[in-house]
Amino acid sequence: MEIDNWKNTGEALVREFVFKDQTELGEFVLQVAKYSDAVNHHADMRISEWRKLELSITTHDDGNQLTQKDFDWAKGVNELIDL
């Protein structure tokens, strides 16, 4: 299964975002955190070069495998960025 703008590594879904500044990046990280808490599914987040964010999602409870929860979560994040 594929999700727009996400790379399927077979073990995780990964997407990189580039923001205009750190404030925009920080606001998006907060949105993702609130969404993740609401659905009780959390991604690894890596910030680099002051305005880049990489999200990586997998289901740890299922042995770090991709499940429907990951695809649903990624779709939800896509909706956040499109707001």
C-alpha atoms as a PDB file:
ATOM      1  CA  MET A   1       0.000   0.000   0.000  1.00  0.00           C
ATOM      2  CA  GLU A   2       1.253   3.487  -0.827  1.00  0.00           C
ATOM      3  CA  ILE A   3       0.482   6.827   0.800  1.00  0.00           C
ATOM      4  CA  ASP A   4       1.054  10.123  -1.036  1.00  0.00           C
ATOM      5  CA  ASN A   5       4.481  11.624  -0.229  1.00  0.00           C
ATOM      6  CA  TRP A   6       5.510   8.769   2.088  1.00  0.00           C
ATOM      7  CA  LYS A   7       8.288   6.272   1.405  1.00  0.00           C
ATOM      8  CA  ASN A   8       7.439   2.697   2.322  1.00  0.00           C
ATOM      9  CA  THR A   9      10.681   1.035   3.471  1.00  0.00           C
ATOM     10  CA  GLY A  10       8.918  -2.243   4.190  1.00  0.00           C
ATOM     11  CA  GLU A  11       9.400  -1.697   7.918  1.00  0.00           C
ATOM     12  CA  ALA A  12       8.218   1.908   8.252  1.00  0.00           C
ATOM     13  CA  LEU A  13       6.601   4.817   6.460  1.00  0.00           C
ATOM     14  CA  VAL A  14       8.958   7.804   6.192  1.00  0.00           C
ATOM     15  CA  ARG A  15       8.358  11.373   5.070  1.00  0.00           C
ATOM     16  CA  GLU A  16      10.515  14.484   5.122  1.00  0.00           C
ATOM     17  CA  PHE A  17       9.091  17.972   5.478  1.00  0.00           C
ATOM     18  CA  VAL A  18      10.893  21.279   4.891  1.00  0.00           C
ATOM     19  CA  PHE A  19       9.485  24.409   6.506  1.00  0.00           C
ATOM     20  CA  LYS A  20      10.186  28.096   5.911  1.00  0.00           C
ATOM     21  CA  ASP A  21      11.448  28.588   9.481  1.00  0.00           C
ATOM     22  CA  GLN A  22      11.700  26.954  12.900  1.00  0.00           C
ATOM     23  CA  THR A  23       8.466  28.491  14.119  1.00  0.00           C
ATOM     24  CA  GLU A  24       6.503  26.817  11.330  1.00  0.00           C
ATOM     25  CA  LEU A  25       8.338  23.548  11.998  1.00  0.00           C
ATOM     26  CA  GLY A  26       7.630  23.759  15.736  1.00  0.00           C
ATOM     27  CA  GLU A  27       3.939  24.458  15.190  1.00  0.00           C
ATOM     28  CA  PHE A  28       3.656  21.430  12.912  1.00  0.00           C
ATOM     29  CA  VAL A  29       5.498  19.189  15.400  1.00  0.00           C
ATOM     30  CA  LEU A  30       2.959  20.241  18.035  1.00  0.00           C
ATOM     31  CA  GLN A  31       0.063  19.413  15.690  1.00  0.00           C
ATOM     32  CA  VAL A  32       1.566  15.981  14.983  1.00  0.00           C
ATOM     33  CA  ALA A  33       2.115  15.360  18.698  1.00  0.00           C
ATOM     34  CA  LYS A  34      -1.488  16.246  19.545  1.00  0.00           C
ATOM     35  CA  TYR A  35      -2.793  14.073  16.712  1.00  0.00           C
ATOM     36  CA  SER A  36      -0.544  11.182  17.765  1.00  0.00           C
ATOM     37  CA  ASP A  37      -1.706  11.413  21.369  1.00  0.00           C
ATOM     38  CA  ALA A  38      -5.339  11.518  20.249  1.00  0.00           C
ATOM     39  CA  VAL A  39      -5.001   8.310  18.215  1.00  0.00           C
ATOM     40  CA  ASN A  40      -2.439   6.735  20.609  1.00  0.00           C
ATOM     41  CA  HIS A  41       0.074   6.029  17.830  1.00  0.00           C
ATOM     42  CA  HIS A  42       3.431   7.807  17.825  1.00  0.00           C
ATOM     43  CA  ALA A  43       6.171   8.332  15.257  1.00  0.00           C
ATOM     44  CA  ASP A  44       9.880   8.894  15.550  1.00  0.00           C
ATOM     45  CA  MET A  45      10.673  12.541  14.774  1.00  0.00           C
ATOM     46  CA  ARG A  46      14.039  13.888  13.650  1.00  0.00           C
ATOM     47  CA  ILE A  47      14.736  17.593  13.206  1.00  0.00           C
ATOM     48  CA  SER A  48      17.786  18.595  11.189  1.00  0.00           C
ATOM     49  CA  GLU A  49      19.266  21.621   9.467  1.00  0.00           C
ATOM     50  CA  TRP A  50      17.014  23.885  11.585  1.00  0.00           C
ATOM     51  CA  ARG A  51      13.923  23.503   9.391  1.00  0.00           C
ATOM     52  CA  LYS A  52      13.693  19.881   8.249  1.00  0.00           C
ATOM     53  CA  LEU A  53      11.559  17.240   9.909  1.00  0.00           C
ATOM     54  CA  GLU A  54      11.597  13.523   9.204  1.00  0.00           C
ATOM     55  CA  LEU A  55       8.735  11.388  10.482  1.00  0.00           C
ATOM     56  CA  SER A  56       9.025   7.613  10.616  1.00  0.00           C
ATOM     57  CA  ILE A  57       6.079   5.478  11.708  1.00  0.00           C
ATOM     58  CA  THR A  58       5.876   1.758  12.408  1.00  0.00           C
ATOM     59  CA  THR A  59       3.900  -0.362  14.850  1.00  0.00           C
ATOM     60  CA  HIS A  60       6.318  -1.186  17.656  1.00  0.00           C
ATOM     61  CA  ASP A  61       3.781  -3.429  19.405  1.00  0.00           C
ATOM     62  CA  ASP A  62       3.714  -5.659  16.322  1.00  0.00           C
ATOM     63  CA  GLY A  63       7.483  -6.143  16.148  1.00  0.00           C
ATOM     64  CA  ASN A  64       8.241  -2.956  14.189  1.00  0.00           C
ATOM     65  CA  GLN A  65       6.085  -3.958  11.260  1.00  0.00           C
ATOM     66  CA  LEU A  66       3.768  -1.864   9.149  1.00  0.00           C
ATOM     67  CA  THR A  67       0.115  -2.213  10.034  1.00  0.00           C
ATOM     68  CA  GLN A  68      -3.070  -0.454   9.003  1.00  0.00           C
ATOM     69  CA  LYS A  69      -2.565   1.876  12.000  1.00  0.00           C
ATOM     70  CA  ASP A  70       0.570   3.258  10.328  1.00  0.00           C
ATOM     71  CA  PHE A  71      -1.153   3.938   7.027  1.00  0.00           C
ATOM     72  CA  ASP A  72      -4.110   5.556   8.777  1.00  0.00           C
ATOM     73  CA  TRP A  73      -1.727   7.683  10.875  1.00  0.00           C
ATOM     74  CA  ALA A  74       0.207   8.837   7.781  1.00  0.00           C
ATOM     75  CA  LYS A  75      -3.053   9.791   6.046  1.00  0.00           C
ATOM     76  CA  GLY A  76      -3.991  11.821   9.104  1.00  0.00           C
ATOM     77  CA  VAL A  77      -0.641  13.641   9.047  1.00  0.00           C
ATOM     78  CA  ASN A  78      -1.120  14.380   5.344  1.00  0.00           C
ATOM     79  CA  GLU A  79      -4.411  16.052   6.269  1.00  0.00           C
ATOM     80  CA  LEU A  80      -2.640  18.174   8.903  1.00  0.00           C
ATOM     81  CA  ILE A  81      -0.074  19.489   6.416  1.00  0.00           C
ATOM     82  CA  ASP A  82      -2.789  20.269   3.881  1.00  0.00           C
ATOM     83  CA  LEU A  83      -4.748  22.486   6.329  1.00  0.00           C
END
